[in-house]
Protein backbone atom coordinates (compact mmCIF):
# COMPACT_ATOMS: atom_id res chain seq x y z
CA UNK A 1 2.36 142.75 93.25
CA UNK A 2 -1.12 143.63 91.33
CA UNK A 3 -3.75 142.54 92.57
CA UNK A 4 -7.43 142.25 90.63
CA UNK A 5 -10.54 139.94 90.72
CA UNK A 6 -10.23 136.63 88.88
CA UNK A 7 -13.26 135.77 87.00
CA UNK A 8 -13.96 131.88 86.05
CA UNK A 9 -14.47 130.30 82.94
CA UNK A 10 -18.42 129.09 82.70
CA UNK A 11 -19.49 130.98 85.44
CA UNK A 12 -22.25 133.37 85.72
CA UNK A 13 -20.76 136.21 87.55
CA UNK A 14 -20.55 139.94 87.77
CA UNK A 15 -17.56 142.26 86.60
CA UNK A 16 -16.39 144.37 89.18
CA UNK A 17 -17.24 148.14 88.89
CA UNK A 18 -15.25 149.73 86.22
CA UNK A 19 -14.71 152.40 88.35
CA UNK A 20 -12.30 149.86 90.64
CA UNK A 21 -9.71 149.36 87.78
CA UNK A 22 -6.26 150.12 88.38
CA UNK A 23 -4.66 153.27 88.03
CA UNK A 24 -1.32 151.27 86.95
CA UNK A 25 -1.52 149.41 84.82
CA UNK A 26 -3.94 152.31 83.39
CA UNK A 27 -7.52 150.40 83.37
CA UNK A 28 -6.84 146.82 84.22
CA UNK A 29 -9.90 145.78 85.69
CA UNK A 30 -10.14 141.79 85.93
CA UNK A 31 -8.61 138.65 84.68
CA UNK A 32 -9.75 135.31 83.41
CA UNK A 33 -13.12 134.25 82.99
CA UNK A 34 -13.83 133.35 79.32
CA UNK A 35 -15.03 135.09 75.80
CA UNK A 36 -18.44 133.82 75.32
CA UNK A 37 -20.61 136.02 73.82
CA UNK A 38 -22.73 136.19 76.89
CA UNK A 39 -20.13 137.74 78.90
CA UNK A 40 -18.42 139.66 75.85
CA UNK A 41 -21.42 141.55 75.44
CA UNK A 42 -22.01 141.96 79.44
CA UNK A 43 -18.37 143.67 79.31
CA UNK A 44 -19.37 146.10 76.44
CA UNK A 45 -22.70 147.19 77.84
CA UNK A 46 -20.58 148.35 80.98
CA UNK A 47 -17.49 149.79 78.69
CA UNK A 48 -15.12 147.16 79.36
CA UNK A 49 -13.44 145.38 76.88
CA UNK A 50 -10.90 142.31 76.45
CA UNK A 51 -6.92 143.30 75.61
CA UNK A 52 -4.39 140.48 76.30
CA UNK A 53 -1.37 138.63 74.30
CA UNK A 54 -1.10 134.84 73.95
CA UNK A 55 1.29 133.99 76.98
CA UNK A 56 -1.68 136.10 79.14
CA UNK A 57 -4.55 135.03 80.69
CA UNK A 58 -7.82 137.10 79.57
CA UNK A 59 -7.58 140.54 80.70
CA UNK A 60 -10.45 143.07 81.02
CA UNK A 61 -10.04 146.89 81.04
CA UNK A 62 -11.70 150.53 81.42
CA UNK A 63 -9.31 153.07 80.94
CA UNK A 64 -9.81 156.65 82.49
CA UNK A 65 -9.95 158.56 80.58
CA UNK A 66 -11.82 157.06 77.25
CA UNK A 67 -10.66 157.67 73.58
CA UNK A 68 -13.71 158.25 71.45
CA UNK A 69 -15.19 159.88 67.99
CA UNK A 70 -18.24 162.11 67.95
CA UNK A 71 -19.25 159.91 64.71
CA UNK A 72 -20.44 163.72 63.30
CA UNK A 73 -17.53 164.99 63.84
CA UNK A 74 -14.98 163.22 62.45
CA UNK A 75 -12.01 165.37 61.00
CA UNK A 76 -10.60 165.14 57.21
CA UNK A 77 -7.69 166.66 57.03
CA UNK A 78 -7.10 168.84 54.24
CA UNK A 79 -4.56 166.60 52.27
CA UNK A 80 -6.66 163.68 52.49
CA UNK A 81 -9.88 165.31 51.49
CA UNK A 82 -7.87 166.19 48.36
CA UNK A 83 -6.72 162.70 47.69
CA UNK A 84 -10.20 161.16 48.70
CA UNK A 85 -11.65 163.44 45.58
CA UNK A 86 -9.83 161.56 43.20
CA UNK A 87 -9.87 157.85 45.15
CA UNK A 88 -11.53 155.34 43.24
CA UNK A 89 -11.80 152.76 46.23
CA UNK A 90 -14.86 151.04 47.41
CA UNK A 91 -16.43 150.88 50.45
CA UNK A 92 -19.10 148.43 51.96
CA UNK A 93 -19.73 146.54 55.48
CA UNK A 94 -19.79 142.88 56.74
CA UNK A 95 -18.65 141.43 53.32
CA UNK A 96 -15.70 139.75 54.76
CA UNK A 97 -15.47 139.73 58.53
CA UNK A 98 -12.98 137.15 58.36
CA UNK A 99 -10.53 138.84 55.95
CA UNK A 100 -10.66 142.16 58.19
CA UNK A 101 -10.34 140.45 61.40
CA UNK A 102 -7.31 138.44 60.50
CA UNK A 103 -5.69 141.32 58.62
CA UNK A 104 -5.92 143.59 61.91
CA UNK A 105 -4.43 140.18 63.89
CA UNK A 106 -1.31 140.32 60.91
CA UNK A 107 2.03 141.22 62.82
CA UNK A 108 3.07 144.74 62.09
CA UNK A 109 5.81 146.88 61.59
CA UNK A 110 7.69 147.90 64.39
CA UNK A 111 5.31 145.61 66.79
CA UNK A 112 6.02 141.97 67.88
CA UNK A 113 3.16 139.60 67.87
CA UNK A 114 -0.53 140.50 68.20
CA UNK A 115 -3.06 141.11 70.56
CA UNK A 116 -5.64 139.43 68.61
CA UNK A 117 -5.17 135.49 69.67
CA UNK A 118 -6.66 132.73 68.17
CA UNK A 119 -9.20 132.64 70.70
CA UNK A 120 -10.38 136.54 70.16
CA UNK A 121 -10.69 135.54 66.35
CA UNK A 122 -13.20 132.70 67.46
CA UNK A 123 -15.05 134.77 70.07
CA UNK A 124 -15.22 137.68 67.41
CA UNK A 125 -16.38 135.53 64.61
CA UNK A 126 -19.23 133.84 67.00
CA UNK A 127 -20.46 137.92 67.85
CA UNK A 128 -20.56 138.29 64.20
CA UNK A 129 -22.46 135.55 63.35
CA UNK A 130 -25.07 136.66 66.09
CA UNK A 131 -24.90 139.94 64.40
CA UNK A 132 -23.01 142.33 66.94
CA UNK A 133 -19.56 142.15 65.62
CA UNK A 134 -19.11 143.78 62.35
CA UNK A 135 -16.30 145.03 59.71
CA UNK A 136 -16.45 147.75 57.11
CA UNK A 137 -14.12 146.73 53.94
CA UNK A 138 -12.10 149.02 51.96
CA UNK A 139 -11.34 147.52 48.45
CA UNK A 140 -8.98 148.72 45.70
CA UNK A 141 -9.36 149.18 41.83
CA UNK A 142 -8.60 145.30 41.67
CA UNK A 143 -11.09 144.42 44.07
CA UNK A 144 -8.63 143.47 47.02
CA UNK A 145 -8.56 145.11 50.69
CA UNK A 146 -6.66 147.82 51.16
CA UNK A 147 -8.08 148.59 54.41
CA UNK A 148 -10.39 147.96 57.07
CA UNK A 149 -11.88 148.18 60.73
CA UNK A 150 -14.13 145.84 62.83
CA UNK A 151 -16.14 146.14 66.19
CA UNK A 152 -19.11 145.52 68.04
CA UNK A 153 -22.23 147.43 68.26
CA UNK A 154 -24.63 147.47 71.23
CA UNK A 155 -27.74 149.45 71.09
CA UNK A 156 -26.89 152.58 69.24
CA UNK A 157 -23.16 152.40 70.79
CA UNK A 158 -20.22 151.10 68.79
CA UNK A 159 -17.21 149.62 70.17
CA UNK A 160 -14.06 150.04 67.92
CA UNK A 161 -11.63 147.24 68.08
CA UNK A 162 -8.78 147.35 65.47
CA UNK A 163 -7.99 148.76 62.03
CA UNK A 164 -5.72 147.81 59.26
CA UNK A 165 -3.79 149.38 55.99
CA UNK A 166 -2.35 147.70 53.37
CA UNK A 167 -2.06 150.95 51.36
CA UNK A 168 -1.85 154.51 52.44
CA UNK A 169 -4.91 155.82 54.09
CA UNK A 170 -6.80 152.37 53.79
CA UNK A 171 -7.60 152.48 57.70
CA UNK A 172 -8.55 156.17 57.21
CA UNK A 173 -11.17 155.21 54.63
CA UNK A 174 -12.63 152.85 56.81
CA UNK A 175 -12.91 155.03 59.85
CA UNK A 176 -14.33 157.70 58.46
CA UNK A 177 -16.83 155.65 56.32
CA UNK A 178 -17.93 153.88 59.37
CA UNK A 179 -18.46 157.26 61.57
CA UNK A 180 -20.60 158.73 58.68
CA UNK A 181 -22.52 155.49 58.54
CA UNK A 182 -22.99 155.43 62.17
CA UNK A 183 -24.28 159.02 62.45
CA UNK A 184 -26.77 158.35 59.85
CA UNK A 185 -27.81 155.46 61.80
CA UNK A 186 -28.10 157.89 64.99
CA UNK A 187 -25.16 156.14 66.83
CA UNK A 188 -23.42 159.26 68.39
CA UNK A 189 -20.36 157.78 69.51
CA UNK A 190 -17.62 155.52 68.64
CA UNK A 191 -15.23 154.22 71.21
CA UNK A 192 -11.50 154.02 70.26
CA UNK A 193 -10.45 152.81 73.57
CA UNK A 194 -7.11 154.13 74.19
CA UNK A 195 -5.09 157.33 72.74
CA UNK A 196 -2.86 157.61 69.74
CA UNK A 197 -1.87 160.55 67.90
CA UNK A 198 -2.72 159.12 64.53
CA UNK A 199 -6.68 159.05 66.07
CA UNK A 200 -6.44 162.47 67.35
CA UNK A 201 -5.39 163.73 63.73
CA UNK A 202 -9.07 162.30 62.84
CA UNK A 203 -10.79 164.33 65.27
CA UNK A 204 -10.57 161.48 68.26
CA UNK A 205 -11.37 163.26 72.15
CA UNK A 206 -10.99 161.86 75.41
CA UNK A 207 -13.69 161.37 77.70
CA UNK A 208 -13.51 161.27 81.34
CA UNK A 209 -14.43 157.69 82.33
CA UNK A 210 -17.56 158.55 84.38
CA UNK A 211 -18.80 160.36 81.30
CA UNK A 212 -17.94 157.65 79.17
CA UNK A 213 -20.19 155.55 81.36
CA UNK A 214 -23.00 157.54 81.76
CA UNK A 215 -23.22 157.81 77.98
CA UNK A 216 -22.89 153.85 77.59
CA UNK A 217 -25.31 153.26 79.46
CA UNK A 218 -27.88 155.54 77.95
CA UNK A 219 -26.78 154.28 74.15
CA UNK A 220 -26.66 150.50 75.16
CA UNK A 221 -30.51 150.77 76.17
CA UNK A 222 -31.48 152.20 72.88
CA UNK A 223 -33.11 149.91 70.46
CA UNK A 224 -31.35 148.93 67.24
CA UNK A 225 -31.63 145.83 65.37
CA UNK A 226 -28.49 142.76 65.66
CA UNK A 227 -27.85 141.72 62.21
CA UNK A 228 -25.74 141.89 59.29
CA UNK A 229 -24.71 145.16 57.71
CA UNK A 230 -23.96 144.02 54.31
CA UNK A 231 -27.18 145.16 53.24
CA UNK A 232 -27.74 148.19 55.49
CA UNK A 233 -24.48 149.80 54.44
CA UNK A 234 -25.81 153.59 52.95
CA UNK A 235 -25.79 153.82 48.91
CA UNK A 236 -23.93 157.12 49.49
CA UNK A 237 -20.90 155.55 51.08
CA UNK A 238 -20.34 153.08 48.92
CA UNK A 239 -17.68 155.09 47.03
CA UNK A 240 -14.55 156.36 48.87
CA UNK A 241 -14.82 159.63 46.96
CA UNK A 242 -18.18 160.23 48.09
CA UNK A 243 -16.42 160.98 51.73
CA UNK A 244 -15.20 164.11 50.19
CA UNK A 245 -18.46 165.31 49.08
CA UNK A 246 -19.90 168.81 50.10
CA UNK A 247 -22.19 167.66 52.30
CA UNK A 248 -19.64 166.30 54.26
CA UNK A 249 -17.38 169.57 54.00
CA UNK A 250 -18.28 171.34 57.14
CA UNK A 251 -16.62 168.40 58.83
CA UNK A 252 -13.33 168.72 57.22
CA UNK A 253 -10.11 169.89 59.08
CA UNK A 254 -8.66 172.88 57.49
CA UNK A 255 -5.27 172.45 58.60
CA UNK A 256 -3.07 170.23 56.48
CA UNK A 257 -2.24 166.85 57.50
């Protein structure tokens, strides 16, 4: 039987230490509580995130190791780099957070259901209204969404939550553009939570939880203003083709995808 601390909705109570998370299932730390803005921000400040399904209580996680991106070292495989140079898509931030998170929540091929529940949709919409949750929108020639990503910014730390594609490379463009913007804003780390082969092709790597939490404490304590990113989004990242610009070439992976 799995035994973990139980949190209570509406109560002001501390999370257990992230280091006490279970080895199996890996990173499970606590259950229960609520998704209030205060509790979510408290969780993220300690490197903890919620992840659960509709038929389960709220589950809180702190896996070891942690998958991350150094925002100034995201890789662009050579095939993607060539494709980007011809790409006519546009990129923006916080222009349609609701559409991005709902696209991320939509059922996907080879996956049953979604972990982004109605409760999660409401919770992150509140965080967005408060200026802590953000989205990146990638639009095709016709102006329709072809990809996107959303997550939470706290201090100078960004926690990626989910991304989606409606066209080939849609989520990759969103992720790469987000990393470029974060790097320009001096956010050095993007949390990708758990490992996947797809993320590793773009430069993700793993940090031991102890080192991840050390960096989280430092970055979350650094000042950065909360608020909508629509006007803050760098003009040099408004076109996807600019991601293949020579200024970024040093970070391209020479191995073909």
